[in-house]
Amino acid sequence: MKHLKVEGIDVAYLDEGKGPCAILGHCSSASHKEWLPLIETLKADWRVLGPDFIGYGQSDPWPIDKPFSIEADVKVLLALARKTKSKLHLVGHSYGAALALEAARKLGARVKSLTLVEPVSFHLLRIENRPEWKDVEKLGVSVLDPVAKGDDRKAAAAFMSYWLGRWRWWLSPERFKSAIATTIPKVALEFSIAIDAQTTLADYAEIEAPVLLIVGAKTPPPTRAVIELLGGALPNAKVETLRGAGHMSPFTHPAELNQLILDHLAAHR
């Protein structure tokens, strides 16, 4: 792992392979390891940059005495983009996809392609007054209230039960549950993006790169709604649905998902 400084915070990232550059953004409570199967395939012909976003993996946490900036993790992607002078490809899942979407706006013509797996750009539901926003608000309360009271385990259970289902969370190994609870204060900070972000569909419509939007057929309504909104706003977008998959498709359906990503990257290499 290599390291760089963003907002004065030490950020770790993987840098493997040679060729066209693909930057991979992971979901909340994960790390670059989420993408290891894809990285193993790509690195023979691509240069892959995989960050651990602030507070995850080997990167340092966000300072407790500093207000969280919704731009902080976007700046991680922008800093990695400066590691190459060539055009690049952005891939992201969930939180990482929402960050990749924001980074693509700022990088403009440097982005050759964008692959977004269920971006949690939930602020769009708020701005567009979509009914699914109520579900996001409820999820936020179920996470933020326990974190404020110091009950990270309860917050982690609420967060992951929403995405995995209660039974899958309940049956998860204790080690996994503890790891998620450790990261949940950062997850709570990330809800400020849904609450405060002001980027509109018209802003995203400025992205001219070809965009692949991937959604699981069994994902919760808010993520489906975000895909619907972005699919209608982005001028060069197509939507693919993964049958049988929920929100966590990089973990539950890696072969099918990674093939869609590989095909999109190859088509715009």
C-alpha atoms as a PDB file:
ATOM      1  CA  MET A   1       0.000   0.000   0.000  1.00  0.00           C
ATOM      2  CA  LYS A   2       1.097   3.543  -0.777  1.00  0.00           C
ATOM      3  CA  HIS A   3       0.115   6.689   1.109  1.00  0.00           C
ATOM      4  CA  LEU A   4      -0.822  10.295   0.425  1.00  0.00           C
ATOM      5  CA  LYS A   5      -2.117  13.232   2.455  1.00  0.00           C
ATOM      6  CA  VAL A   6      -5.647  14.564   1.988  1.00  0.00           C
ATOM      7  CA  GLU A   7      -6.956  17.302   4.287  1.00  0.00           C
ATOM      8  CA  GLY A   8      -3.926  16.527   6.448  1.00  0.00           C
ATOM      9  CA  ILE A   9      -5.065  12.907   6.841  1.00  0.00           C
ATOM     10  CA  ASP A  10      -2.952   9.907   5.873  1.00  0.00           C
ATOM     11  CA  VAL A  11      -4.772   7.955   3.153  1.00  0.00           C
ATOM     12  CA  ALA A  12      -3.664   4.501   2.013  1.00  0.00           C
ATOM     13  CA  TYR A  13      -4.174   3.253  -1.526  1.00  0.00           C
ATOM     14  CA  LEU A  14      -3.320   0.299  -3.708  1.00  0.00           C
ATOM     15  CA  ASP A  15      -1.415   0.971  -6.940  1.00  0.00           C
ATOM     16  CA  GLU A  16      -1.008  -2.087  -9.158  1.00  0.00           C
ATOM     17  CA  GLY A  17      -0.552  -2.874 -12.832  1.00  0.00           C
ATOM     18  CA  LYS A  18       0.238  -0.821 -15.921  1.00  0.00           C
ATOM     19  CA  GLY A  19      -1.918   0.534 -18.709  1.00  0.00           C
ATOM     20  CA  PRO A  20      -5.069   2.692 -18.754  1.00  0.00           C
ATOM     21  CA  CYS A  21      -5.915   3.899 -15.267  1.00  0.00           C
ATOM     22  CA  ALA A  22      -9.006   2.750 -13.366  1.00  0.00           C
ATOM     23  CA  ILE A  23      -9.788   4.162  -9.913  1.00  0.00           C
ATOM     24  CA  LEU A  24     -12.038   1.958  -7.761  1.00  0.00           C
ATOM     25  CA  GLY A  25     -14.109   3.379  -4.895  1.00  0.00           C
ATOM     26  CA  HIS A  26     -15.439   1.086  -2.155  1.00  0.00           C
ATOM     27  CA  CYS A  27     -18.648   1.263  -0.109  1.00  0.00           C
ATOM     28  CA  SER A  28     -19.071   2.462   3.473  1.00  0.00           C
ATOM     29  CA  SER A  29     -17.531   0.270   6.202  1.00  0.00           C
ATOM     30  CA  ALA A  30     -15.288  -1.478   3.637  1.00  0.00           C
ATOM     31  CA  SER A  31     -11.876  -0.855   2.029  1.00  0.00           C
ATOM     32  CA  HIS A  32     -10.128  -1.390  -1.295  1.00  0.00           C
ATOM     33  CA  LYS A  33     -10.332  -5.112  -0.528  1.00  0.00           C
ATOM     34  CA  GLU A  34     -13.961  -5.028  -1.633  1.00  0.00           C
ATOM     35  CA  TRP A  35     -12.611  -4.923  -5.184  1.00  0.00           C
ATOM     36  CA  LEU A  36      -9.816  -7.526  -4.913  1.00  0.00           C
ATOM     37  CA  PRO A  37     -11.389 -10.017  -7.370  1.00  0.00           C
ATOM     38  CA  LEU A  38     -11.800  -7.233  -9.934  1.00  0.00           C
ATOM     39  CA  ILE A  39      -8.308  -5.888  -9.249  1.00  0.00           C
ATOM     40  CA  GLU A  40      -6.782  -9.333  -9.824  1.00  0.00           C
ATOM     41  CA  THR A  41      -8.415  -9.438 -13.257  1.00  0.00           C
ATOM     42  CA  LEU A  42      -7.636  -5.862 -14.235  1.00  0.00           C
ATOM     43  CA  LYS A  43      -4.021  -5.507 -13.171  1.00  0.00           C
ATOM     44  CA  ALA A  44      -2.636  -7.534 -16.083  1.00  0.00           C
ATOM     45  CA  ASP A  45      -3.709  -4.833 -18.549  1.00  0.00           C
ATOM     46  CA  TRP A  46      -4.693  -1.843 -16.437  1.00  0.00           C
ATOM     47  CA  ARG A  47      -3.209   0.400 -13.791  1.00  0.00           C
ATOM     48  CA  VAL A  48      -5.561   0.108 -10.824  1.00  0.00           C
ATOM     49  CA  LEU A  49      -5.718   2.652  -8.013  1.00  0.00           C
ATOM     50  CA  GLY A  50      -7.797   1.517  -5.049  1.00  0.00           C
ATOM     51  CA  PRO A  51      -8.049   3.867  -2.066  1.00  0.00           C
ATOM     52  CA  ASP A  52      -9.108   3.178   1.479  1.00  0.00           C
ATOM     53  CA  PHE A  53     -11.372   6.158   2.081  1.00  0.00           C
ATOM     54  CA  ILE A  54     -10.878   8.219   5.231  1.00  0.00           C
ATOM     55  CA  GLY A  55     -11.638   6.172   8.336  1.00  0.00           C
ATOM     56  CA  TYR A  56     -11.480   2.803   6.577  1.00  0.00           C
ATOM     57  CA  GLY A  57      -8.879   0.116   5.962  1.00  0.00           C
ATOM     58  CA  GLN A  58      -5.364   1.446   6.533  1.00  0.00           C
ATOM     59  CA  SER A  59      -6.328   5.125   6.246  1.00  0.00           C
ATOM     60  CA  ASP A  60      -6.461   7.368   9.286  1.00  0.00           C
ATOM     61  CA  PRO A  61      -9.808   8.357  10.847  1.00  0.00           C
ATOM     62  CA  TRP A  62     -11.452  11.728  10.478  1.00  0.00           C
ATOM     63  CA  PRO A  63     -10.334  14.028  13.367  1.00  0.00           C
ATOM     64  CA  ILE A  64     -13.015  14.094  16.061  1.00  0.00           C
ATOM     65  CA  ASP A  65     -12.487  17.820  16.666  1.00  0.00           C
ATOM     66  CA  LYS A  66     -13.011  18.799  13.012  1.00  0.00           C
ATOM     67  CA  PRO A  67     -16.378  19.194  11.236  1.00  0.00           C
ATOM     68  CA  PHE A  68     -16.711  16.583   8.505  1.00  0.00           C
ATOM     69  CA  SER A  69     -16.402  17.916   4.977  1.00  0.00           C
ATOM     70  CA  ILE A  70     -18.542  16.235   2.366  1.00  0.00           C
ATOM     71  CA  GLU A  71     -15.727  16.996  -0.087  1.00  0.00           C
ATOM     72  CA  ALA A  72     -13.042  15.151   1.891  1.00  0.00           C
ATOM     73  CA  ASP A  73     -13.354  11.705   0.319  1.00  0.00           C
ATOM     74  CA  VAL A  74     -13.996  13.228  -3.116  1.00  0.00           C
ATOM     75  CA  LYS A  75     -10.590  14.859  -2.725  1.00  0.00           C
ATOM     76  CA  VAL A  76      -9.115  11.379  -2.215  1.00  0.00           C
ATOM     77  CA  LEU A  77     -10.268  10.438  -5.705  1.00  0.00           C
ATOM     78  CA  LEU A  78      -9.045  13.743  -7.148  1.00  0.00           C
ATOM     79  CA  ALA A  79      -5.635  13.264  -5.521  1.00  0.00           C
ATOM     80  CA  LEU A  80      -5.379   9.799  -7.065  1.00  0.00           C
ATOM     81  CA  ALA A  81      -6.384  11.221 -10.446  1.00  0.00           C
ATOM     82  CA  ARG A  82      -3.341  13.464 -10.234  1.00  0.00           C
ATOM     83  CA  LYS A  83      -1.160  10.349 -10.050  1.00  0.00           C
ATOM     84  CA  THR A  84      -1.628   9.934 -13.790  1.00  0.00           C
ATOM     85  CA  LYS A  85      -1.589  12.436 -16.649  1.00  0.00           C
ATOM     86  CA  SER A  86      -3.715  10.280 -18.919  1.00  0.00           C
ATOM     87  CA  LYS A  87      -7.470  10.025 -19.082  1.00  0.00           C
ATOM     88  CA  LEU A  88      -8.967   7.640 -16.562  1.00  0.00           C
ATOM     89  CA  HIS A  89     -11.933   5.469 -15.638  1.00  0.00           C
ATOM     90  CA  LEU A  90     -13.907   5.710 -12.391  1.00  0.00           C
ATOM     91  CA  VAL A  91     -15.685   2.748 -10.793  1.00  0.00           C
ATOM     92  CA  GLY A  92     -17.569   2.871  -7.505  1.00  0.00           C
ATOM     93  CA  HIS A  93     -20.078   1.045  -5.337  1.00  0.00           C
ATOM     94  CA  SER A  94     -22.568   2.682  -2.976  1.00  0.00           C
ATOM     95  CA  TYR A  95     -20.709   5.466  -1.099  1.00  0.00           C
ATOM     96  CA  GLY A  96     -17.770   5.022  -3.462  1.00  0.00           C
ATOM     97  CA  ALA A  97     -20.104   5.402  -6.440  1.00  0.00           C
ATOM     98  CA  ALA A  98     -21.567   8.616  -5.031  1.00  0.00           C
ATOM     99  CA  LEU A  99     -18.021   9.928  -4.611  1.00  0.00           C
ATOM    100  CA  ALA A 100     -17.053   8.851  -8.133  1.00  0.00           C
ATOM    101  CA  LEU A 101     -20.066  10.722  -9.487  1.00  0.00           C
ATOM    102  CA  GLU A 102     -18.944  13.915  -7.748  1.00  0.00           C
ATOM    103  CA  ALA A 103     -15.336  13.431  -8.859  1.00  0.00           C
ATOM    104  CA  ALA A 104     -16.447  12.946 -12.466  1.00  0.00           C
ATOM    105  CA  ARG A 105     -18.072  16.379 -12.433  1.00  0.00           C
ATOM    106  CA  LYS A 106     -14.817  17.962 -11.341  1.00  0.00           C
ATOM    107  CA  LEU A 107     -12.542  15.936 -13.644  1.00  0.00           C
ATOM    108  CA  GLY A 108     -14.645  16.631 -16.731  1.00  0.00           C
ATOM    109  CA  ALA A 109     -13.096  15.470 -20.000  1.00  0.00           C
ATOM    110  CA  ARG A 110     -10.384  13.491 -18.188  1.00  0.00           C
ATOM    111  CA  VAL A 111     -12.963  10.782 -17.418  1.00  0.00           C
ATOM    112  CA  LYS A 112     -13.239   8.221 -20.226  1.00  0.00           C
ATOM    113  CA  SER A 113     -15.903   6.129 -18.511  1.00  0.00           C
ATOM    114  CA  LEU A 114     -17.855   5.961 -15.280  1.00  0.00           C
ATOM    115  CA  THR A 115     -19.298   2.825 -13.689  1.00  0.00           C
ATOM    116  CA  LEU A 116     -21.667   3.359 -10.767  1.00  0.00           C
ATOM    117  CA  VAL A 117     -23.019   0.447  -8.736  1.00  0.00           C
ATOM    118  CA  GLU A 118     -25.983   1.801  -6.792  1.00  0.00           C
ATOM    119  CA  PRO A 119     -24.625   5.236  -5.833  1.00  0.00           C
ATOM    120  CA  VAL A 120     -26.112   6.398  -2.538  1.00  0.00           C
ATOM    121  CA  SER A 121     -26.623   9.934  -3.849  1.00  0.00           C
ATOM    122  CA  PHE A 122     -29.653  10.167  -1.616  1.00  0.00           C
ATOM    123  CA  HIS A 123     -29.636  13.962  -1.561  1.00  0.00           C
ATOM    124  CA  LEU A 124     -31.265  13.757  -4.997  1.00  0.00           C
ATOM    125  CA  LEU A 125     -34.322  12.179  -3.390  1.00  0.00           C
ATOM    126  CA  ARG A 126     -34.508  15.117  -1.003  1.00  0.00           C
ATOM    127  CA  ILE A 127     -34.029  17.723  -3.725  1.00  0.00           C
ATOM    128  CA  GLU A 128     -36.516  16.033  -6.079  1.00  0.00           C
ATOM    129  CA  ASN A 129     -39.028  15.517  -3.261  1.00  0.00           C
ATOM    130  CA  ARG A 130     -39.223  11.787  -3.902  1.00  0.00           C
ATOM    131  CA  PRO A 131     -41.224   9.663  -1.423  1.00  0.00           C
ATOM    132  CA  GLU A 132     -38.222   7.323  -0.999  1.00  0.00           C
ATOM    133  CA  TRP A 133     -36.475  10.108   0.920  1.00  0.00           C
ATOM    134  CA  LYS A 134     -38.564   9.150   3.969  1.00  0.00           C
ATOM    135  CA  ASP A 135     -36.836   5.756   4.056  1.00  0.00           C
ATOM    136  CA  VAL A 136     -33.448   7.479   4.014  1.00  0.00           C
ATOM    137  CA  GLU A 137     -34.490   9.746   6.870  1.00  0.00           C
ATOM    138  CA  LYS A 138     -35.596   6.746   8.926  1.00  0.00           C
ATOM    139  CA  LEU A 139     -32.324   4.949   8.245  1.00  0.00           C
ATOM    140  CA  GLY A 140     -30.393   8.063   9.225  1.00  0.00           C
ATOM    141  CA  VAL A 141     -32.199   8.326  12.561  1.00  0.00           C
ATOM    142  CA  SER A 142     -31.653   4.626  13.281  1.00  0.00           C
ATOM    143  CA  VAL A 143     -27.905   5.107  12.786  1.00  0.00           C
ATOM    144  CA  LEU A 144     -27.284   8.632  14.071  1.00  0.00           C
ATOM    145  CA  ASP A 145     -29.210   8.349  17.341  1.00  0.00           C
ATOM    146  CA  PRO A 146     -27.318   5.272  18.661  1.00  0.00           C
ATOM    147  CA  VAL A 147     -23.975   6.751  17.549  1.00  0.00           C
ATOM    148  CA  ALA A 148     -24.762   9.955  19.457  1.00  0.00           C
ATOM    149  CA  LYS A 149     -25.424   7.807  22.542  1.00  0.00           C
ATOM    150  CA  GLY A 150     -22.215   5.813  22.089  1.00  0.00           C
ATOM    151  CA  ASP A 151     -24.001   2.606  21.068  1.00  0.00           C
ATOM    152  CA  ASP A 152     -22.064   1.775  17.902  1.00  0.00           C
ATOM    153  CA  ARG A 153     -23.212  -1.852  17.951  1.00  0.00           C
ATOM    154  CA  LYS A 154     -26.864  -0.831  17.751  1.00  0.00           C
ATOM    155  CA  ALA A 155     -26.099   1.641  14.971  1.00  0.00           C
ATOM    156  CA  ALA A 156     -24.163  -0.994  13.031  1.00  0.00           C
ATOM    157  CA  ALA A 157     -27.036  -3.461  13.385  1.00  0.00           C
ATOM    158  CA  ALA A 158     -29.519  -0.892  12.047  1.00  0.00           C
ATOM    159  CA  PHE A 159     -27.290   0.099   9.142  1.00  0.00           C
ATOM    160  CA  MET A 160     -26.305  -3.361   7.967  1.00  0.00           C
ATOM    161  CA  SER A 161     -29.740  -4.892   8.580  1.00  0.00           C
ATOM    162  CA  TYR A 162     -31.117  -2.361   6.130  1.00  0.00           C
ATOM    163  CA  TRP A 163     -28.666  -3.403   3.411  1.00  0.00           C
ATOM    164  CA  LEU A 164     -28.225  -7.103   4.183  1.00  0.00           C
ATOM    165  CA  GLY A 165     -31.508  -8.012   5.850  1.00  0.00           C
ATOM    166  CA  ARG A 166     -31.980  -8.690   9.571  1.00  0.00           C
ATOM    167  CA  TRP A 167     -31.333 -12.420   9.373  1.00  0.00           C
ATOM    168  CA  ARG A 168     -28.116 -12.103   7.389  1.00  0.00           C
ATOM    169  CA  TRP A 169     -26.822  -9.545   9.868  1.00  0.00           C
ATOM    170  CA  TRP A 170     -27.912 -11.644  12.848  1.00  0.00           C
ATOM    171  CA  LEU A 171     -26.143 -14.703  11.395  1.00  0.00           C
ATOM    172  CA  SER A 172     -22.963 -12.797  10.515  1.00  0.00           C
ATOM    173  CA  PRO A 173     -19.764 -13.740  12.383  1.00  0.00           C
ATOM    174  CA  GLU A 174     -18.958 -11.767  15.496  1.00  0.00           C
ATOM    175  CA  ARG A 175     -15.685 -10.585  13.990  1.00  0.00           C
ATOM    176  CA  PHE A 176     -17.564  -9.047  11.069  1.00  0.00           C
ATOM    177  CA  LYS A 177     -20.066  -7.337  13.369  1.00  0.00           C
ATOM    178  CA  SER A 178     -17.284  -5.870  15.495  1.00  0.00           C
ATOM    179  CA  ALA A 179     -15.467  -4.581  12.418  1.00  0.00           C
ATOM    180  CA  ILE A 180     -18.604  -2.825  11.163  1.00  0.00           C
ATOM    181  CA  ALA A 181     -19.250  -1.298  14.596  1.00  0.00           C
ATOM    182  CA  THR A 182     -15.735   0.145  14.567  1.00  0.00           C
ATOM    183  CA  THR A 183     -16.430   2.009  11.327  1.00  0.00           C
ATOM    184  CA  ILE A 184     -19.964   3.164  12.099  1.00  0.00           C
ATOM    185  CA  PRO A 185     -18.999   6.626  13.458  1.00  0.00           C
ATOM    186  CA  LYS A 186     -17.571   7.425   9.987  1.00  0.00           C
ATOM    187  CA  VAL A 187     -20.751   6.081   8.382  1.00  0.00           C
ATOM    188  CA  ALA A 188     -22.707   8.473  10.585  1.00  0.00           C
ATOM    189  CA  LEU A 189     -20.595  11.366   9.303  1.00  0.00           C
ATOM    190  CA  GLU A 190     -21.363  10.331   5.739  1.00  0.00           C
ATOM    191  CA  PHE A 191     -25.073  10.877   6.299  1.00  0.00           C
ATOM    192  CA  SER A 192     -24.263  14.584   6.226  1.00  0.00           C
ATOM    193  CA  ILE A 193     -23.859  14.169   2.470  1.00  0.00           C
ATOM    194  CA  ALA A 194     -27.472  13.086   2.096  1.00  0.00           C
ATOM    195  CA  ILE A 195     -28.575  15.875   4.417  1.00  0.00           C
ATOM    196  CA  ASP A 196     -26.419  18.736   3.107  1.00  0.00           C
ATOM    197  CA  ALA A 197     -25.360  18.034  -0.496  1.00  0.00           C
ATOM    198  CA  GLN A 198     -26.794  20.427  -3.071  1.00  0.00           C
ATOM    199  CA  THR A 199     -25.648  18.933  -6.382  1.00  0.00           C
ATOM    200  CA  THR A 200     -28.644  18.710  -8.721  1.00  0.00           C
ATOM    201  CA  LEU A 201     -29.585  16.458 -11.604  1.00  0.00           C
ATOM    202  CA  ALA A 202     -28.803  19.363 -13.924  1.00  0.00           C
ATOM    203  CA  ASP A 203     -25.280  19.473 -12.481  1.00  0.00           C
ATOM    204  CA  TYR A 204     -24.785  15.757 -13.135  1.00  0.00           C
ATOM    205  CA  ALA A 205     -26.175  16.168 -16.649  1.00  0.00           C
ATOM    206  CA  GLU A 206     -22.921  17.973 -17.486  1.00  0.00           C
ATOM    207  CA  ILE A 207     -21.060  14.639 -17.301  1.00  0.00           C
ATOM    208  CA  GLU A 208     -20.460  13.601 -20.907  1.00  0.00           C
ATOM    209  CA  ALA A 209     -18.520  10.379 -20.299  1.00  0.00           C
ATOM    210  CA  PRO A 210     -20.305   7.077 -20.972  1.00  0.00           C
ATOM    211  CA  VAL A 211     -21.884   5.929 -17.714  1.00  0.00           C
ATOM    212  CA  LEU A 212     -22.909   2.418 -16.720  1.00  0.00           C
ATOM    213  CA  LEU A 213     -25.460   2.374 -13.893  1.00  0.00           C
ATOM    214  CA  ILE A 214     -25.820  -1.017 -12.206  1.00  0.00           C
ATOM    215  CA  VAL A 215     -28.675  -1.863  -9.856  1.00  0.00           C
ATOM    216  CA  GLY A 216     -29.645  -5.061  -8.059  1.00  0.00           C
ATOM    217  CA  ALA A 217     -33.174  -6.295  -8.711  1.00  0.00           C
ATOM    218  CA  LYS A 218     -33.712  -6.770  -4.962  1.00  0.00           C
ATOM    219  CA  THR A 219     -32.164  -3.530  -3.727  1.00  0.00           C
ATOM    220  CA  PRO A 220     -34.168  -1.160  -1.463  1.00  0.00           C
ATOM    221  CA  PRO A 221     -36.425   1.481  -3.075  1.00  0.00           C
ATOM    222  CA  PRO A 222     -34.165   4.516  -2.397  1.00  0.00           C
ATOM    223  CA  THR A 223     -31.280   3.103  -4.426  1.00  0.00           C
ATOM    224  CA  ARG A 224     -33.616   2.133  -7.269  1.00  0.00           C
ATOM    225  CA  ALA A 225     -34.986   5.666  -7.243  1.00  0.00           C
ATOM    226  CA  VAL A 226     -31.501   7.192  -7.459  1.00  0.00           C
ATOM    227  CA  ILE A 227     -30.684   4.991 -10.454  1.00  0.00           C
ATOM    228  CA  GLU A 228     -33.934   6.046 -12.109  1.00  0.00           C
ATOM    229  CA  LEU A 229     -33.156   9.732 -11.606  1.00  0.00           C
ATOM    230  CA  LEU A 230     -29.572   9.477 -12.809  1.00  0.00           C
ATOM    231  CA  GLY A 231     -30.528   7.289 -15.754  1.00  0.00           C
ATOM    232  CA  GLY A 232     -32.867  10.017 -16.928  1.00  0.00           C
ATOM    233  CA  ALA A 233     -30.442  12.883 -16.325  1.00  0.00           C
ATOM    234  CA  LEU A 234     -27.047  11.640 -17.508  1.00  0.00           C
ATOM    235  CA  PRO A 235     -26.781  12.181 -21.263  1.00  0.00           C
ATOM    236  CA  ASN A 236     -24.721   9.070 -22.031  1.00  0.00           C
ATOM    237  CA  ALA A 237     -25.958   6.500 -19.532  1.00  0.00           C
ATOM    238  CA  LYS A 238     -27.242   2.963 -19.683  1.00  0.00           C
ATOM    239  CA  VAL A 239     -28.738   0.882 -16.878  1.00  0.00           C
ATOM    240  CA  GLU A 240     -28.066  -2.779 -16.180  1.00  0.00           C
ATOM    241  CA  THR A 241     -30.018  -4.803 -13.620  1.00  0.00           C
ATOM    242  CA  LEU A 242     -28.456  -7.721 -11.749  1.00  0.00           C
ATOM    243  CA  ARG A 243     -31.086 -10.385 -11.220  1.00  0.00           C
ATOM    244  CA  GLY A 244     -31.228 -11.782  -7.714  1.00  0.00           C
ATOM    245  CA  ALA A 245     -28.846  -9.165  -6.306  1.00  0.00           C
ATOM    246  CA  GLY A 246     -29.389  -6.625  -3.566  1.00  0.00           C
ATOM    247  CA  HIS A 247     -27.283  -3.604  -2.678  1.00  0.00           C
ATOM    248  CA  MET A 248     -24.173  -5.590  -1.773  1.00  0.00           C
ATOM    249  CA  SER A 249     -23.612  -7.162  -5.200  1.00  0.00           C
ATOM    250  CA  PRO A 250     -19.777  -6.824  -5.129  1.00  0.00           C
ATOM    251  CA  PHE A 251     -19.878  -9.361  -2.286  1.00  0.00           C
ATOM    252  CA  THR A 252     -22.884 -11.500  -3.246  1.00  0.00           C
ATOM    253  CA  HIS A 253     -22.639 -11.521  -7.064  1.00  0.00           C
ATOM    254  CA  PRO A 254     -18.992 -10.640  -7.854  1.00  0.00           C
ATOM    255  CA  ALA A 255     -18.671 -12.683 -11.061  1.00  0.00           C
ATOM    256  CA  GLU A 256     -21.771 -11.229 -12.718  1.00  0.00           C
ATOM    257  CA  LEU A 257     -21.077  -7.703 -11.528  1.00  0.00           C
ATOM    258  CA  ASN A 258     -17.405  -7.690 -12.453  1.00  0.00           C
ATOM    259  CA  GLN A 259     -18.188  -8.940 -15.958  1.00  0.00           C
ATOM    260  CA  LEU A 260     -20.486  -5.950 -16.509  1.00  0.00           C
ATOM    261  CA  ILE A 261     -17.746  -3.622 -15.264  1.00  0.00           C
ATOM    262  CA  LEU A 262     -15.054  -5.273 -17.387  1.00  0.00           C
ATOM    263  CA  ASP A 263     -17.207  -5.059 -20.504  1.00  0.00           C
ATOM    264  CA  HIS A 264     -17.873  -1.352 -19.945  1.00  0.00           C
ATOM    265  CA  LEU A 265     -14.212  -0.589 -19.326  1.00  0.00           C
ATOM    266  CA  ALA A 266     -13.132  -2.541 -22.406  1.00  0.00           C
ATOM    267  CA  ALA A 267     -15.686  -0.797 -24.597  1.00  0.00           C
ATOM    268  CA  HIS A 268     -14.298   2.633 -23.670  1.00  0.00           C
ATOM    269  CA  ARG A 269     -10.644   1.833 -23.157  1.00  0.00           C
END
